[in-house]
Amino acid sequence: MADLVSIPVTTKEMLQKNNMDFLCVDRSKIIDYITTSGTLGEPVTFTMTENDLERLAYNEYISFFMCRRFSN
């Protein structure tokens, strides 16, 4: 566990400056871009694939499903 502090972290500034360097899929797979709100500074843009969007949609579905289930 002590070695965890030696692992470099990715900062927001790194993402803003070098965003496409973090791309791990072929550019032809990018179907959308999402942007953070920038509440704490400058917004950050992320590329999204079809799988990314499907995962986000599923996460939203589960969140709303669970809220509805436990709101009664």
C-alpha atoms as a PDB file:
ATOM      1  CA  MET A   1       0.000   0.000   0.000  1.00  0.00           C
ATOM      2  CA  ALA A   2       2.823   2.394   0.718  1.00  0.00           C
ATOM      3  CA  ASP A   3       3.870   2.170  -2.933  1.00  0.00           C
ATOM      4  CA  LEU A   4       0.551   3.644  -4.092  1.00  0.00           C
ATOM      5  CA  VAL A   5       1.807   7.154  -3.433  1.00  0.00           C
ATOM      6  CA  SER A   6       4.550   6.613  -6.028  1.00  0.00           C
ATOM      7  CA  ILE A   7       2.038   5.989  -8.823  1.00  0.00           C
ATOM      8  CA  PRO A   8       1.660   9.154 -10.888  1.00  0.00           C
ATOM      9  CA  VAL A   9      -1.836  10.571 -11.114  1.00  0.00           C
ATOM     10  CA  THR A  10      -3.521  12.082 -14.151  1.00  0.00           C
ATOM     11  CA  THR A  11      -4.514  15.650 -13.431  1.00  0.00           C
ATOM     12  CA  LYS A  12      -7.316  17.660 -14.954  1.00  0.00           C
ATOM     13  CA  GLU A  13      -4.720  19.922 -16.510  1.00  0.00           C
ATOM     14  CA  MET A  14      -3.059  16.946 -18.215  1.00  0.00           C
ATOM     15  CA  LEU A  15      -6.400  15.888 -19.661  1.00  0.00           C
ATOM     16  CA  GLN A  16      -7.153  19.387 -20.902  1.00  0.00           C
ATOM     17  CA  LYS A  17      -3.760  19.867 -22.513  1.00  0.00           C
ATOM     18  CA  ASN A  18      -3.164  16.367 -23.919  1.00  0.00           C
ATOM     19  CA  ASN A  19      -6.658  14.942 -24.230  1.00  0.00           C
ATOM     20  CA  MET A  20      -6.146  13.036 -27.480  1.00  0.00           C
ATOM     21  CA  ASP A  21      -2.979  11.422 -26.088  1.00  0.00           C
ATOM     22  CA  PHE A  22      -5.243   9.515 -23.708  1.00  0.00           C
ATOM     23  CA  LEU A  23      -7.329   8.089 -26.548  1.00  0.00           C
ATOM     24  CA  CYS A  24      -7.243   4.283 -26.446  1.00  0.00           C
ATOM     25  CA  VAL A  25      -9.513   3.478 -29.397  1.00  0.00           C
ATOM     26  CA  ASP A  26      -9.289   4.176 -33.095  1.00  0.00           C
ATOM     27  CA  ARG A  27     -10.599   7.667 -33.881  1.00  0.00           C
ATOM     28  CA  SER A  28     -13.217   6.113 -36.157  1.00  0.00           C
ATOM     29  CA  LYS A  29     -14.862   4.643 -33.032  1.00  0.00           C
ATOM     30  CA  ILE A  30     -15.551   8.091 -31.542  1.00  0.00           C
ATOM     31  CA  ILE A  31     -19.229   8.926 -31.921  1.00  0.00           C
ATOM     32  CA  ASP A  32     -19.666  11.744 -29.417  1.00  0.00           C
ATOM     33  CA  TYR A  33     -17.891  14.171 -27.125  1.00  0.00           C
ATOM     34  CA  ILE A  34     -18.945  15.002 -23.587  1.00  0.00           C
ATOM     35  CA  THR A  35     -17.775  17.930 -21.507  1.00  0.00           C
ATOM     36  CA  THR A  36     -17.678  18.412 -17.773  1.00  0.00           C
ATOM     37  CA  SER A  37     -19.492  21.428 -16.397  1.00  0.00           C
ATOM     38  CA  GLY A  38     -16.329  23.262 -15.425  1.00  0.00           C
ATOM     39  CA  THR A  39     -17.697  23.983 -11.961  1.00  0.00           C
ATOM     40  CA  LEU A  40     -14.205  24.030 -10.451  1.00  0.00           C
ATOM     41  CA  GLY A  41     -12.479  25.706 -13.383  1.00  0.00           C
ATOM     42  CA  GLU A  42     -12.119  24.927 -17.067  1.00  0.00           C
ATOM     43  CA  PRO A  43     -14.314  22.160 -18.525  1.00  0.00           C
ATOM     44  CA  VAL A  44     -12.702  18.934 -19.746  1.00  0.00           C
ATOM     45  CA  THR A  45     -13.867  17.201 -22.927  1.00  0.00           C
ATOM     46  CA  PHE A  46     -13.911  13.402 -23.263  1.00  0.00           C
ATOM     47  CA  THR A  47     -14.370  11.282 -26.348  1.00  0.00           C
ATOM     48  CA  MET A  48     -17.099   8.637 -26.279  1.00  0.00           C
ATOM     49  CA  THR A  49     -17.584   5.404 -28.180  1.00  0.00           C
ATOM     50  CA  GLU A  50     -20.860   3.559 -28.664  1.00  0.00           C
ATOM     51  CA  ASN A  51     -19.907   1.246 -25.789  1.00  0.00           C
ATOM     52  CA  ASP A  52     -19.185   4.231 -23.538  1.00  0.00           C
ATOM     53  CA  LEU A  53     -22.608   5.735 -24.241  1.00  0.00           C
ATOM     54  CA  GLU A  54     -24.352   2.396 -23.689  1.00  0.00           C
ATOM     55  CA  ARG A  55     -22.574   2.021 -20.341  1.00  0.00           C
ATOM     56  CA  LEU A  56     -23.574   5.550 -19.307  1.00  0.00           C
ATOM     57  CA  ALA A  57     -27.181   4.917 -20.313  1.00  0.00           C
ATOM     58  CA  TYR A  58     -27.213   1.686 -18.300  1.00  0.00           C
ATOM     59  CA  ASN A  59     -25.741   3.461 -15.268  1.00  0.00           C
ATOM     60  CA  GLU A  60     -28.439   6.138 -15.506  1.00  0.00           C
ATOM     61  CA  TYR A  61     -31.131   3.480 -15.825  1.00  0.00           C
ATOM     62  CA  ILE A  62     -29.879   1.665 -12.723  1.00  0.00           C
ATOM     63  CA  SER A  63     -29.667   4.933 -10.757  1.00  0.00           C
ATOM     64  CA  PHE A  64     -33.234   5.927 -11.590  1.00  0.00           C
ATOM     65  CA  PHE A  65     -34.505   2.393 -11.052  1.00  0.00           C
ATOM     66  CA  MET A  66     -32.951   2.216  -7.595  1.00  0.00           C
ATOM     67  CA  CYS A  67     -34.228   5.672  -6.621  1.00  0.00           C
ATOM     68  CA  ARG A  68     -37.729   4.721  -7.645  1.00  0.00           C
ATOM     69  CA  ARG A  69     -37.494   1.374  -5.878  1.00  0.00           C
ATOM     70  CA  PHE A  70     -36.415   2.878  -2.562  1.00  0.00           C
ATOM     71  CA  SER A  71     -38.523   6.040  -2.672  1.00  0.00           C
ATOM     72  CA  ASN A  72     -41.661   4.210  -1.557  1.00  0.00           C
END
